[in-house]
Structures are given as structure tokens and as C-alpha cells.
PDB file of all heavy atoms in Angstrom:
ATOM      1  N   LEU A   1    -169.643  69.851  74.629  1.00  0.00           N
ATOM      2  CA  LEU A   1    -168.462  70.621  74.395  1.00  0.00           C
ATOM      3  C   LEU A   1    -168.173  71.781  75.329  1.00  0.00           C
ATOM      4  O   LEU A   1    -167.043  72.141  75.588  1.00  0.00           O
ATOM      5  CB  LEU A   1    -168.537  71.088  72.878  1.00  0.00           C
ATOM      6  CG  LEU A   1    -168.671  70.049  71.845  1.00  0.00           C
ATOM      7  CD1 LEU A   1    -168.836  70.825  70.479  1.00  0.00           C
ATOM      8  CD2 LEU A   1    -167.502  69.228  71.832  1.00  0.00           C
ATOM      9  N   TRP A   2    -169.263  72.336  75.917  1.00  0.00           N
ATOM     10  CA  TRP A   2    -168.996  73.639  76.554  1.00  0.00           C
ATOM     11  C   TRP A   2    -169.488  73.646  78.061  1.00  0.00           C
ATOM     12  O   TRP A   2    -169.062  74.467  78.790  1.00  0.00           O
ATOM     13  CB  TRP A   2    -169.628  74.885  75.841  1.00  0.00           C
ATOM     14  CG  TRP A   2    -168.950  75.113  74.503  1.00  0.00           C
ATOM     15  CD1 TRP A   2    -167.748  75.462  74.326  1.00  0.00           C
ATOM     16  CD2 TRP A   2    -169.575  74.805  73.278  1.00  0.00           C
ATOM     17  NE1 TRP A   2    -167.482  75.443  72.840  1.00  0.00           N
ATOM     18  CE2 TRP A   2    -168.588  75.072  72.362  1.00  0.00           C
ATOM     19  CE3 TRP A   2    -170.878  74.371  72.780  1.00  0.00           C
ATOM     20  CZ2 TRP A   2    -168.936  74.952  70.960  1.00  0.00           C
ATOM     21  CZ3 TRP A   2    -171.106  74.287  71.521  1.00  0.00           C
ATOM     22  CH2 TRP A   2    -170.248  74.628  70.505  1.00  0.00           C
ATOM     23  N   ALA A   3    -170.471  72.853  78.434  1.00  0.00           N
ATOM     24  CA  ALA A   3    -171.006  72.858  79.770  1.00  0.00           C
ATOM     25  C   ALA A   3    -169.975  72.357  80.828  1.00  0.00           C
ATOM     26  O   ALA A   3    -169.216  71.483  80.519  1.00  0.00           O
ATOM     27  CB  ALA A   3    -172.170  71.878  79.813  1.00  0.00           C
ATOM     28  N   GLU A   4    -169.907  73.114  81.865  1.00  0.00           N
ATOM     29  CA  GLU A   4    -168.969  72.817  82.935  1.00  0.00           C
ATOM     30  C   GLU A   4    -169.303  71.375  83.574  1.00  0.00           C
ATOM     31  O   GLU A   4    -168.385  70.576  83.909  1.00  0.00           O
ATOM     32  CB  GLU A   4    -169.076  73.845  84.089  1.00  0.00           C
ATOM     33  CG  GLU A   4    -168.380  75.203  83.619  1.00  0.00           C
ATOM     34  CD  GLU A   4    -168.445  76.116  84.714  1.00  0.00           C
ATOM     35  OE1 GLU A   4    -168.842  75.776  85.855  1.00  0.00           O
ATOM     36  OE2 GLU A   4    -168.093  77.337  84.515  1.00  0.00           O
ATOM     37  N   GLN A   5    -170.548  71.057  83.647  1.00  0.00           N
ATOM     38  CA  GLN A   5    -170.930  69.750  84.222  1.00  0.00           C
ATOM     39  C   GLN A   5    -172.008  69.157  83.217  1.00  0.00           C
ATOM     40  O   GLN A   5    -173.059  69.772  83.058  1.00  0.00           O
ATOM     41  CB  GLN A   5    -171.584  69.849  85.582  1.00  0.00           C
ATOM     42  CG  GLN A   5    -171.818  68.521  86.169  1.00  0.00           C
ATOM     43  CD  GLN A   5    -172.298  68.681  87.672  1.00  0.00           C
ATOM     44  OE1 GLN A   5    -172.238  69.812  88.268  1.00  0.00           O
ATOM     45  NE2 GLN A   5    -172.666  67.605  88.337  1.00  0.00           N
ATOM     46  N   VAL A   6    -171.715  68.032  82.721  1.00  0.00           N
ATOM     47  CA  VAL A   6    -172.623  67.458  81.826  1.00  0.00           C
ATOM     48  C   VAL A   6    -173.947  66.978  82.358  1.00  0.00           C
ATOM     49  O   VAL A   6    -173.833  66.163  83.481  1.00  0.00           O
ATOM     50  CB  VAL A   6    -171.852  66.220  81.031  1.00  0.00           C
ATOM     51  CG1 VAL A   6    -172.889  65.494  80.108  1.00  0.00           C
ATOM     52  CG2 VAL A   6    -170.676  66.745  80.273  1.00  0.00           C
ATOM     53  N   ASN A   7    -175.092  67.338  81.948  1.00  0.00           N
ATOM     54  CA  ASN A   7    -176.274  66.873  82.364  1.00  0.00           C
ATOM     55  C   ASN A   7    -176.814  65.729  81.437  1.00  0.00           C
ATOM     56  O   ASN A   7    -177.309  66.107  80.307  1.00  0.00           O
ATOM     57  CB  ASN A   7    -177.290  67.999  82.378  1.00  0.00           C
ATOM     58  CG  ASN A   7    -178.673  67.556  83.099  1.00  0.00           C
ATOM     59  OD1 ASN A   7    -179.071  66.515  83.000  1.00  0.00           O
ATOM     60  ND2 ASN A   7    -179.251  68.458  83.884  1.00  0.00           N
ATOM     61  N   TYR A   8    -176.672  64.520  81.796  1.00  0.00           N
ATOM     62  CA  TYR A   8    -177.095  63.431  80.913  1.00  0.00           C
ATOM     63  C   TYR A   8    -178.552  63.329  80.628  1.00  0.00           C
ATOM     64  O   TYR A   8    -179.001  62.682  79.568  1.00  0.00           O
ATOM     65  CB  TYR A   8    -176.455  62.167  81.356  1.00  0.00           C
ATOM     66  CG  TYR A   8    -174.949  61.992  81.129  1.00  0.00           C
ATOM     67  CD1 TYR A   8    -174.098  62.249  82.248  1.00  0.00           C
ATOM     68  CD2 TYR A   8    -174.411  61.923  79.937  1.00  0.00           C
ATOM     69  CE1 TYR A   8    -172.695  62.254  82.088  1.00  0.00           C
ATOM     70  CE2 TYR A   8    -173.010  61.938  79.709  1.00  0.00           C
ATOM     71  CZ  TYR A   8    -172.253  62.047  80.769  1.00  0.00           C
ATOM     72  OH  TYR A   8    -170.861  62.047  80.672  1.00  0.00           O
ATOM     73  N   TYR A   9    -179.264  63.896  81.574  1.00  0.00           N
ATOM     74  CA  TYR A   9    -180.745  63.959  81.321  1.00  0.00           C
ATOM     75  C   TYR A   9    -181.190  64.691  79.959  1.00  0.00           C
ATOM     76  O   TYR A   9    -182.121  64.371  79.308  1.00  0.00           O
ATOM     77  CB  TYR A   9    -181.659  64.394  82.515  1.00  0.00           C
ATOM     78  CG  TYR A   9    -181.663  63.404  83.685  1.00  0.00           C
ATOM     79  CD1 TYR A   9    -180.816  63.435  84.688  1.00  0.00           C
ATOM     80  CD2 TYR A   9    -182.611  62.278  83.584  1.00  0.00           C
ATOM     81  CE1 TYR A   9    -180.920  62.479  85.761  1.00  0.00           C
ATOM     82  CE2 TYR A   9    -182.697  61.373  84.591  1.00  0.00           C
ATOM     83  CZ  TYR A   9    -181.789  61.382  85.710  1.00  0.00           C
ATOM     84  OH  TYR A   9    -181.906  60.589  86.635  1.00  0.00           O
ATOM     85  N   ILE A  10    -180.520  65.801  79.974  1.00  0.00           N
ATOM     86  CA  ILE A  10    -180.679  66.689  78.665  1.00  0.00           C
ATOM     87  C   ILE A  10    -180.304  65.982  77.422  1.00  0.00           C
ATOM     88  O   ILE A  10    -180.957  65.951  76.448  1.00  0.00           O
ATOM     89  CB  ILE A  10    -179.967  67.995  78.841  1.00  0.00           C
ATOM     90  CG1 ILE A  10    -180.448  68.800  79.980  1.00  0.00           C
ATOM     91  CG2 ILE A  10    -180.021  68.739  77.471  1.00  0.00           C
ATOM     92  CD1 ILE A  10    -179.660  70.119  80.153  1.00  0.00           C
ATOM     93  N   ILE A  11    -179.179  65.212  77.546  1.00  0.00           N
ATOM     94  CA  ILE A  11    -178.696  64.560  76.296  1.00  0.00           C
ATOM     95  C   ILE A  11    -179.687  63.347  76.083  1.00  0.00           C
ATOM     96  O   ILE A  11    -180.045  63.086  74.772  1.00  0.00           O
ATOM     97  CB  ILE A  11    -177.243  63.928  76.601  1.00  0.00           C
ATOM     98  CG1 ILE A  11    -176.283  65.082  76.772  1.00  0.00           C
ATOM     99  CG2 ILE A  11    -176.809  63.038  75.501  1.00  0.00           C
ATOM    100  CD1 ILE A  11    -174.878  64.622  77.146  1.00  0.00           C
ATOM    101  N   CYS A  12    -180.186  62.687  77.087  1.00  0.00           N
ATOM    102  CA  CYS A  12    -181.152  61.584  76.833  1.00  0.00           C
ATOM    103  C   CYS A  12    -182.308  61.974  76.231  1.00  0.00           C
ATOM    104  O   CYS A  12    -182.957  61.406  75.184  1.00  0.00           O
ATOM    105  CB  CYS A  12    -181.461  60.951  78.173  1.00  0.00           C
ATOM    106  SG  CYS A  12    -180.112  59.989  78.916  1.00  0.00           S
ATOM    107  N   VAL A  13    -182.965  63.132  76.668  1.00  0.00           N
ATOM    108  CA  VAL A  13    -184.222  63.582  76.106  1.00  0.00           C
ATOM    109  C   VAL A  13    -184.006  64.108  74.710  1.00  0.00           C
ATOM    110  O   VAL A  13    -184.830  63.746  73.732  1.00  0.00           O
ATOM    111  CB  VAL A  13    -184.782  64.790  77.015  1.00  0.00           C
ATOM    112  CG1 VAL A  13    -185.886  65.494  76.216  1.00  0.00           C
ATOM    113  CG2 VAL A  13    -185.174  64.321  78.332  1.00  0.00           C
ATOM    114  N   ALA A  14    -182.832  64.749  74.447  1.00  0.00           N
ATOM    115  CA  ALA A  14    -182.560  65.238  73.034  1.00  0.00           C
ATOM    116  C   ALA A  14    -182.441  63.947  72.129  1.00  0.00           C
ATOM    117  O   ALA A  14    -182.909  63.987  70.991  1.00  0.00           O
ATOM    118  CB  ALA A  14    -181.260  66.033  73.103  1.00  0.00           C
ATOM    119  N   VAL A  15    -181.695  62.868  72.531  1.00  0.00           N
ATOM    120  CA  VAL A  15    -181.585  61.717  71.642  1.00  0.00           C
ATOM    121  C   VAL A  15    -182.841  61.173  71.479  1.00  0.00           C
ATOM    122  O   VAL A  15    -183.088  60.674  70.293  1.00  0.00           O
ATOM    123  CB  VAL A  15    -180.554  60.833  72.438  1.00  0.00           C
ATOM    124  CG1 VAL A  15    -180.537  59.408  71.626  1.00  0.00           C
ATOM    125  CG2 VAL A  15    -179.170  61.329  72.351  1.00  0.00           C
ATOM    126  N   LEU A  16    -183.647  61.042  72.510  1.00  0.00           N
ATOM    127  CA  LEU A  16    -185.052  60.397  72.241  1.00  0.00           C
ATOM    128  C   LEU A  16    -185.846  61.173  71.294  1.00  0.00           C
ATOM    129  O   LEU A  16    -186.450  60.523  70.440  1.00  0.00           O
ATOM    130  CB  LEU A  16    -185.717  60.408  73.705  1.00  0.00           C
ATOM    131  CG  LEU A  16    -187.193  59.953  73.671  1.00  0.00           C
ATOM    132  CD1 LEU A  16    -187.245  58.492  73.227  1.00  0.00           C
ATOM    133  CD2 LEU A  16    -187.712  60.125  75.085  1.00  0.00           C
ATOM    134  N   VAL A  17    -185.915  62.497  71.420  1.00  0.00           N
ATOM    135  CA  VAL A  17    -186.770  63.115  70.549  1.00  0.00           C
ATOM    136  C   VAL A  17    -186.294  63.104  69.075  1.00  0.00           C
ATOM    137  O   VAL A  17    -187.016  62.978  68.155  1.00  0.00           O
ATOM    138  CB  VAL A  17    -186.893  64.739  71.091  1.00  0.00           C
ATOM    139  CG1 VAL A  17    -187.639  65.570  70.042  1.00  0.00           C
ATOM    140  CG2 VAL A  17    -187.631  64.669  72.388  1.00  0.00           C
ATOM    141  N   LEU A  18    -184.918  63.244  68.894  1.00  0.00           N
ATOM    142  CA  LEU A  18    -184.347  63.198  67.678  1.00  0.00           C
ATOM    143  C   LEU A  18    -184.646  61.933  66.992  1.00  0.00           C
ATOM    144  O   LEU A  18    -184.812  61.915  65.806  1.00  0.00           O
ATOM    145  CB  LEU A  18    -182.729  63.504  67.789  1.00  0.00           C
ATOM    146  CG  LEU A  18    -182.402  64.997  67.898  1.00  0.00           C
ATOM    147  CD1 LEU A  18    -180.900  65.070  68.334  1.00  0.00           C
ATOM    148  CD2 LEU A  18    -182.803  65.867  66.774  1.00  0.00           C
ATOM    149  N   SER A  19    -184.532  60.857  67.738  1.00  0.00           N
ATOM    150  CA  SER A  19    -184.784  59.435  67.135  1.00  0.00           C
ATOM    151  C   SER A  19    -186.099  59.163  66.798  1.00  0.00           C
ATOM    152  O   SER A  19    -186.508  58.506  65.760  1.00  0.00           O
ATOM    153  CB  SER A  19    -184.216  58.387  68.197  1.00  0.00           C
ATOM    154  OG  SER A  19    -185.110  58.436  69.274  1.00  0.00           O
ATOM    155  N   MET A  20    -187.133  59.850  67.541  1.00  0.00           N
ATOM    156  CA  MET A  20    -188.490  59.574  67.299  1.00  0.00           C
ATOM    157  C   MET A  20    -189.168  60.566  66.308  1.00  0.00           C
ATOM    158  O   MET A  20    -190.260  60.289  65.709  1.00  0.00           O
ATOM    159  CB  MET A  20    -189.317  59.617  68.660  1.00  0.00           C
ATOM    160  CG  MET A  20    -188.900  58.523  69.607  1.00  0.00           C
ATOM    161  SD  MET A  20    -189.959  58.561  71.070  1.00  0.00           S
ATOM    162  CE  MET A  20    -191.479  58.162  70.302  1.00  0.00           C
ATOM    163  N   LEU A  21    -188.666  61.721  66.283  1.00  0.00           N
ATOM    164  CA  LEU A  21    -189.248  62.830  65.433  1.00  0.00           C
ATOM    165  C   LEU A  21    -189.531  62.371  63.977  1.00  0.00           C
ATOM    166  O   LEU A  21    -190.605  62.660  63.422  1.00  0.00           O
ATOM    167  CB  LEU A  21    -188.360  64.074  65.462  1.00  0.00           C
ATOM    168  CG  LEU A  21    -189.001  65.309  64.991  1.00  0.00           C
ATOM    169  CD1 LEU A  21    -190.205  65.709  65.744  1.00  0.00           C
ATOM    170  CD2 LEU A  21    -187.990  66.462  64.995  1.00  0.00           C
ATOM    171  N   PRO A  22    -188.497  61.768  63.235  1.00  0.00           N
ATOM    172  CA  PRO A  22    -188.797  61.428  61.840  1.00  0.00           C
ATOM    173  C   PRO A  22    -189.968  60.345  61.677  1.00  0.00           C
ATOM    174  O   PRO A  22    -190.719  60.412  60.772  1.00  0.00           O
ATOM    175  CB  PRO A  22    -187.487  60.640  61.327  1.00  0.00           C
ATOM    176  CG  PRO A  22    -186.494  61.258  62.320  1.00  0.00           C
ATOM    177  CD  PRO A  22    -187.173  61.418  63.590  1.00  0.00           C
ATOM    178  N   PHE A  23    -190.102  59.474  62.752  1.00  0.00           N
ATOM    179  CA  PHE A  23    -191.122  58.575  62.632  1.00  0.00           C
ATOM    180  C   PHE A  23    -192.489  59.050  62.867  1.00  0.00           C
ATOM    181  O   PHE A  23    -193.610  58.808  62.216  1.00  0.00           O
ATOM    182  CB  PHE A  23    -190.903  57.427  63.651  1.00  0.00           C
ATOM    183  CG  PHE A  23    -189.733  56.627  63.323  1.00  0.00           C
ATOM    184  CD1 PHE A  23    -188.503  56.826  63.974  1.00  0.00           C
ATOM    185  CD2 PHE A  23    -189.708  55.557  62.401  1.00  0.00           C
ATOM    186  CE1 PHE A  23    -187.352  56.213  63.707  1.00  0.00           C
ATOM    187  CE2 PHE A  23    -188.531  54.914  62.110  1.00  0.00           C
ATOM    188  CZ  PHE A  23    -187.369  55.186  62.783  1.00  0.00           C
ATOM    189  N   PHE A  24    -192.601  60.163  63.865  1.00  0.00           N
ATOM    190  CA  PHE A  24    -193.884  60.778  64.143  1.00  0.00           C
ATOM    191  C   PHE A  24    -194.250  61.744  63.024  1.00  0.00           C
ATOM    192  O   PHE A  24    -195.483  61.828  62.692  1.00  0.00           O
ATOM    193  CB  PHE A  24    -193.768  61.497  65.438  1.00  0.00           C
ATOM    194  CG  PHE A  24    -193.924  60.627  66.608  1.00  0.00           C
ATOM    195  CD1 PHE A  24    -192.880  60.315  67.499  1.00  0.00           C
ATOM    196  CD2 PHE A  24    -195.278  59.998  66.971  1.00  0.00           C
ATOM    197  CE1 PHE A  24    -193.055  59.502  68.639  1.00  0.00           C
ATOM    198  CE2 PHE A  24    -195.373  59.287  68.074  1.00  0.00           C
ATOM    199  CZ  PHE A  24    -194.330  58.930  68.817  1.00  0.00           C
ATOM    200  N   ILE A  25    -193.265  62.283  62.404  1.00  0.00           N
ATOM    201  CA  ILE A  25    -193.611  63.157  61.245  1.00  0.00           C
ATOM    202  C   ILE A  25    -194.137  62.315  60.065  1.00  0.00           C
ATOM    203  O   ILE A  25    -195.066  62.672  59.418  1.00  0.00           O
ATOM    204  CB  ILE A  25    -192.346  64.047  60.766  1.00  0.00           C
ATOM    205  CG1 ILE A  25    -191.995  64.970  61.945  1.00  0.00           C
ATOM    206  CG2 ILE A  25    -192.657  64.721  59.539  1.00  0.00           C
ATOM    207  CD1 ILE A  25    -190.709  65.828  61.622  1.00  0.00           C
ATOM    208  N   SER A  26    -193.435  61.174  59.810  1.00  0.00           N
ATOM    209  CA  SER A  26    -193.950  60.337  58.739  1.00  0.00           C
ATOM    210  C   SER A  26    -195.413  59.819  59.050  1.00  0.00           C
ATOM    211  O   SER A  26    -196.233  59.727  58.182  1.00  0.00           O
ATOM    212  CB  SER A  26    -192.976  59.280  58.633  1.00  0.00           C
ATOM    213  OG  SER A  26    -193.425  58.214  57.597  1.00  0.00           O
ATOM    214  N   PHE A  27    -195.612  59.462  60.303  1.00  0.00           N
ATOM    215  CA  PHE A  27    -196.915  58.854  60.751  1.00  0.00           C
ATOM    216  C   PHE A  27    -197.981  59.971  60.516  1.00  0.00           C
ATOM    217  O   PHE A  27    -199.028  59.674  60.158  1.00  0.00           O
ATOM    218  CB  PHE A  27    -196.767  58.345  62.189  1.00  0.00           C
ATOM    219  CG  PHE A  27    -197.986  57.605  62.546  1.00  0.00           C
ATOM    220  CD1 PHE A  27    -198.193  56.318  62.169  1.00  0.00           C
ATOM    221  CD2 PHE A  27    -198.932  58.101  63.375  1.00  0.00           C
ATOM    222  CE1 PHE A  27    -199.246  55.508  62.604  1.00  0.00           C
ATOM    223  CE2 PHE A  27    -199.988  57.385  63.819  1.00  0.00           C
ATOM    224  CZ  PHE A  27    -200.148  56.061  63.475  1.00  0.00           C
ATOM    225  N   GLU A  28    -197.530  61.125  60.915  1.00  0.00           N
ATOM    226  CA  GLU A  28    -198.507  62.240  60.994  1.00  0.00           C
ATOM    227  C   GLU A  28    -198.900  62.654  59.386  1.00  0.00           C
ATOM    228  O   GLU A  28    -199.937  63.133  59.147  1.00  0.00           O
ATOM    229  CB  GLU A  28    -197.931  63.565  61.569  1.00  0.00           C
ATOM    230  CG  GLU A  28    -198.815  64.743  61.741  1.00  0.00           C
ATOM    231  CD  GLU A  28    -200.024  64.604  62.546  1.00  0.00           C
ATOM    232  OE1 GLU A  28    -200.037  63.708  63.344  1.00  0.00           O
ATOM    233  OE2 GLU A  28    -201.072  65.223  62.192  1.00  0.00           O
ATOM    234  N   ALA A  29    -197.926  62.421  58.531  1.00  0.00           N
ATOM    235  CA  ALA A  29    -198.088  62.847  57.167  1.00  0.00           C
ATOM    236  C   ALA A  29    -199.136  61.868  56.389  1.00  0.00           C
ATOM    237  O   ALA A  29    -199.778  62.284  55.420  1.00  0.00           O
ATOM    238  CB  ALA A  29    -196.702  62.917  56.312  1.00  0.00           C
ATOM    239  N   LYS A  30    -199.292  60.815  56.947  1.00  0.00           N
ATOM    240  CA  LYS A  30    -200.176  59.773  56.346  1.00  0.00           C
ATOM    241  C   LYS A  30    -201.555  59.985  56.778  1.00  0.00           C
ATOM    242  O   LYS A  30    -201.818  60.478  57.710  1.00  0.00           O
ATOM    243  CB  LYS A  30    -199.754  58.335  56.695  1.00  0.00           C
ATOM    244  CG  LYS A  30    -198.381  57.944  56.211  1.00  0.00           C
ATOM    245  CD  LYS A  30    -198.018  56.493  56.599  1.00  0.00           C
ATOM    246  CE  LYS A  30    -196.641  56.070  55.987  1.00  0.00           C
ATOM    247  NZ  LYS A  30    -196.371  54.667  56.363  1.00  0.00           N
ATOM    248  N   ARG A  31    -202.464  59.540  55.889  1.00  0.00           N
ATOM    249  CA  ARG A  31    -203.973  59.532  56.209  1.00  0.00           C
ATOM    250  C   ARG A  31    -204.300  58.408  57.169  1.00  0.00           C
ATOM    251  O   ARG A  31    -204.290  57.254  56.586  1.00  0.00           O
ATOM    252  CB  ARG A  31    -204.809  59.570  54.933  1.00  0.00           C
ATOM    253  CG  ARG A  31    -206.260  59.896  55.073  1.00  0.00           C
ATOM    254  CD  ARG A  31    -206.992  59.956  53.926  1.00  0.00           C
ATOM    255  NE  ARG A  31    -208.409  60.260  54.085  1.00  0.00           N
ATOM    256  CZ  ARG A  31    -209.197  60.557  53.230  1.00  0.00           C
ATOM    257  NH1 ARG A  31    -208.802  60.533  51.923  1.00  0.00           N
ATOM    258  NH2 ARG A  31    -210.487  60.856  53.431  1.00  0.00           N
ATOM    259  N   VAL A  32    -204.555  58.633  58.283  1.00  0.00           N
ATOM    260  CA  VAL A  32    -204.723  57.569  59.317  1.00  0.00           C
ATOM    261  C   VAL A  32    -206.248  57.629  59.832  1.00  0.00           C
ATOM    262  O   VAL A  32    -206.636  58.646  60.298  1.00  0.00           O
ATOM    263  CB  VAL A  32    -203.810  57.688  60.526  1.00  0.00           C
ATOM    264  CG1 VAL A  32    -204.086  56.458  61.527  1.00  0.00           C
ATOM    265  CG2 VAL A  32    -202.239  57.688  60.089  1.00  0.00           C
ATOM    266  N   THR A  33    -206.868  56.441  59.790  1.00  0.00           N
ATOM    267  CA  THR A  33    -208.345  56.440  60.260  1.00  0.00           C
ATOM    268  C   THR A  33    -208.400  56.280  61.692  1.00  0.00           C
ATOM    269  O   THR A  33    -207.402  55.840  62.426  1.00  0.00           O
ATOM    270  CB  THR A  33    -209.003  55.274  59.643  1.00  0.00           C
ATOM    271  OG1 THR A  33    -208.405  54.005  60.025  1.00  0.00           O
ATOM    272  CG2 THR A  33    -208.960  55.383  58.017  1.00  0.00           C
ATOM    273  N   ALA A  34    -209.495  56.615  62.224  1.00  0.00           N
ATOM    274  CA  ALA A  34    -209.697  56.416  63.705  1.00  0.00           C
ATOM    275  C   ALA A  34    -209.548  54.949  64.153  1.00  0.00           C
ATOM    276  O   ALA A  34    -209.070  54.643  65.332  1.00  0.00           O
ATOM    277  CB  ALA A  34    -211.116  56.993  64.118  1.00  0.00           C
ATOM    278  N   ARG A  35    -210.073  54.023  63.222  1.00  0.00           N
ATOM    279  CA  ARG A  35    -209.962  52.620  63.559  1.00  0.00           C
ATOM    280  C   ARG A  35    -208.387  52.156  63.651  1.00  0.00           C
ATOM    281  O   ARG A  35    -208.103  51.353  64.391  1.00  0.00           O
ATOM    282  CB  ARG A  35    -210.682  51.810  62.412  1.00  0.00           C
ATOM    283  CG  ARG A  35    -212.239  51.909  62.626  1.00  0.00           C
ATOM    284  CD  ARG A  35    -212.831  51.217  61.517  1.00  0.00           C
ATOM    285  NE  ARG A  35    -214.250  51.078  61.638  1.00  0.00           N
ATOM    286  CZ  ARG A  35    -215.188  50.567  60.794  1.00  0.00           C
ATOM    287  NH1 ARG A  35    -214.631  50.063  59.663  1.00  0.00           N
ATOM    288  NH2 ARG A  35    -216.511  50.521  61.024  1.00  0.00           N
ATOM    289  N   GLU A  36    -207.591  52.774  62.671  1.00  0.00           N
ATOM    290  CA  GLU A  36    -206.299  52.341  62.675  1.00  0.00           C
ATOM    291  C   GLU A  36    -205.493  52.842  64.002  1.00  0.00           C
ATOM    292  O   GLU A  36    -204.738  52.187  64.531  1.00  0.00           O
ATOM    293  CB  GLU A  36    -205.534  52.961  61.458  1.00  0.00           C
ATOM    294  CG  GLU A  36    -204.150  52.357  61.279  1.00  0.00           C
ATOM    295  CD  GLU A  36    -203.520  52.846  59.911  1.00  0.00           C
ATOM    296  OE1 GLU A  36    -204.294  53.468  59.118  1.00  0.00           O
ATOM    297  OE2 GLU A  36    -202.385  52.661  59.674  1.00  0.00           O
ATOM    298  N   LEU A  37    -205.901  54.052  64.388  1.00  0.00           N
ATOM    299  CA  LEU A  37    -205.287  54.650  65.590  1.00  0.00           C
ATOM    300  C   LEU A  37    -205.786  53.771  66.846  1.00  0.00           C
ATOM    301  O   LEU A  37    -204.975  53.535  67.705  1.00  0.00           O
ATOM    302  CB  LEU A  37    -205.759  56.069  65.755  1.00  0.00           C
ATOM    303  CG  LEU A  37    -205.059  57.109  64.852  1.00  0.00           C
ATOM    304  CD1 LEU A  37    -205.680  58.546  65.074  1.00  0.00           C
ATOM    305  CD2 LEU A  37    -203.565  57.218  65.215  1.00  0.00           C
ATOM    306  N   THR A  38    -207.059  53.319  66.725  1.00  0.00           N
ATOM    307  CA  THR A  38    -207.518  52.495  67.890  1.00  0.00           C
ATOM    308  C   THR A  38    -206.745  51.171  68.000  1.00  0.00           C
ATOM    309  O   THR A  38    -206.321  50.780  69.084  1.00  0.00           O
ATOM    310  CB  THR A  38    -209.027  52.175  67.663  1.00  0.00           C
ATOM    311  OG1 THR A  38    -209.702  53.402  67.686  1.00  0.00           O
ATOM    312  CG2 THR A  38    -209.559  51.351  68.846  1.00  0.00           C
ATOM    313  N   LEU A  39    -206.507  50.563  66.818  1.00  0.00           N
ATOM    314  CA  LEU A  39    -205.629  49.297  66.681  1.00  0.00           C
ATOM    315  C   LEU A  39    -204.212  49.649  67.298  1.00  0.00           C
ATOM    316  O   LEU A  39    -203.793  48.775  68.173  1.00  0.00           O
ATOM    317  CB  LEU A  39    -205.668  48.709  65.402  1.00  0.00           C
ATOM    318  CG  LEU A  39    -204.740  47.465  65.197  1.00  0.00           C
ATOM    319  CD1 LEU A  39    -205.297  46.394  66.111  1.00  0.00           C
ATOM    320  CD2 LEU A  39    -204.761  46.940  63.799  1.00  0.00           C
TER     321      LEU A  39
END
């Protein structure tokens, strides 16, 4: 909306983090064993 020149790398990184964040938070909230992480 406001930047004079759009930097699509910033948009790409933001979209990536926003899309992955719920999954990593959910994964982190679970009790995960070392064997499961290894698999």
C-alpha cells in the first residue's frame, strides 16, 4: 500500500512465515519424542 517500490522478497518471506507459523506452533504444543523427531 505505501512503499514506493515493492520488494517481493519481503512479501515472500512474510507469506512463508505466516503460512508455516500455525503448523509449527501446533507441532511445538504437542508432546513429541526424540524418536518421532528422528523419523
